[in-house]
Amino acid sequence: MRVSVSVGSAYYDGENWEDLVEYVKAADRLGVDSVWSAEAWGMEAVSSLGYLAAVTDQIRLGSGIMQISARTPAMTAMTALSMSQISNDRFLLGLGVSGPQVVEGLHGEAFAKPLGRLREYMQIVRMGIDGERLVYDGEHYVLPRPGGEGKALKSSIRPRPELPIYLATLGPKSLELTGELADGWLGTSFIPEHANVFLDSLATGAARAGRSLDDIDIHVNGQLVVSDDVDALIARARPGMAFTLGGMGSAKTNFYNRAFSRAGYEDVAAEVQRLWVAGDKAAAAAAVPEEMVLAAYPIGTEDMVRDRIRAYTAAGVNCLRVAPQGKTAADQIAHLEMSIDLIKSSTRS
């Protein structure tokens, strides 16, 4: 199994940027597959990767994710081509629809029909990175704009038809779209024992395009932490799970909550969301059961984490993403070294 790392979070403000740079440079030296940025209402996804391209040599640079409502598809294609150009073709384009709170609240765009918009967006981006003139007549995007003075244009940057596109999706239909159109999947809310919640839909979409699940690069986000004090790890993880179930999206639209519900946690997901929306975040965290935390996160003693890593491998995960752990760059790098050794030794045949 390959290892990737994260830069920042949805709300990352860049305050410890120098430490993260040292962390990613160490990841590059250690042979980590890729580094993925985040984007919501903190640092955007691209500028950090441009900086990191200049201070690394081998690690691939992925946007995890660029929000499609924040950029036109043509601009996303040009950005992807630009990043590939300056990074010696190390860029991975990760896209997602985000959620209504961010899309409508931050960008002022309508969130309705996200699946149809994502399909059209993907098609135009593919045209752009393939070097085609952008002529498109869809429900959500029409190029050139009708009735104006625009003309069909193509990027002057060298085309890169092989540039990989990854989608961060959670719902069954959007997962099918990922299997049909994307090179990889950026997964969250993933429990290996319930991998079918995601992978069955990915496989259905892949078959529609004459492919199989083996053609989809499966990346899954994990919060790997090793400690003999398992109770403390669970207590530390509960607030994050409560935020995922209750705060990642609106009370009406929370894709993460729905994903965990499909994995058998419907009652828990509903109760945690109810408490969170009511403003009782402490009670929401307390309502997250220990069993759910240990199923969703590779945390615990070394033996427990090894078992979870093997479960990810058995489920078909190709790459496990770990996040920095520790207050200093030295602490974070030490954790990364431990994580790489643990993942590699646990999956070695």
Foldseek 3Di string as FASTA:
>chain_A
DAAEAEDAEQAGACPPVVLVLLLVQLCLVVVHAAYEYEYFNHDAFQPSLLVSLVRHQHHAYEHPAHAPLQDPLLVLLVSQLVSCVSNVRRYAYEYENAACCRNCVVVVDDSPPVLQVVLVSLVQSLCQLQFHFRADDDPVDGPPDPPDDDDTDHDPRDHDNPRFYEYEDQQLVSLLVRLQRGQEYEYALDFLVQLCSRQVSSQNSVVVNVHGSVSYAYEYEAAEEADQPLVVVLLVCLLVVLCLLAPRYHLVDRSSLVRVVVVPCVVLSNVSNVCVVVPNSVVSSVSDDSVSSLRRHLYYHLVSNLVRLVSCVVSPHDYYYYYFDDDGSVNRNVVVVVVVVSNCVSPPD
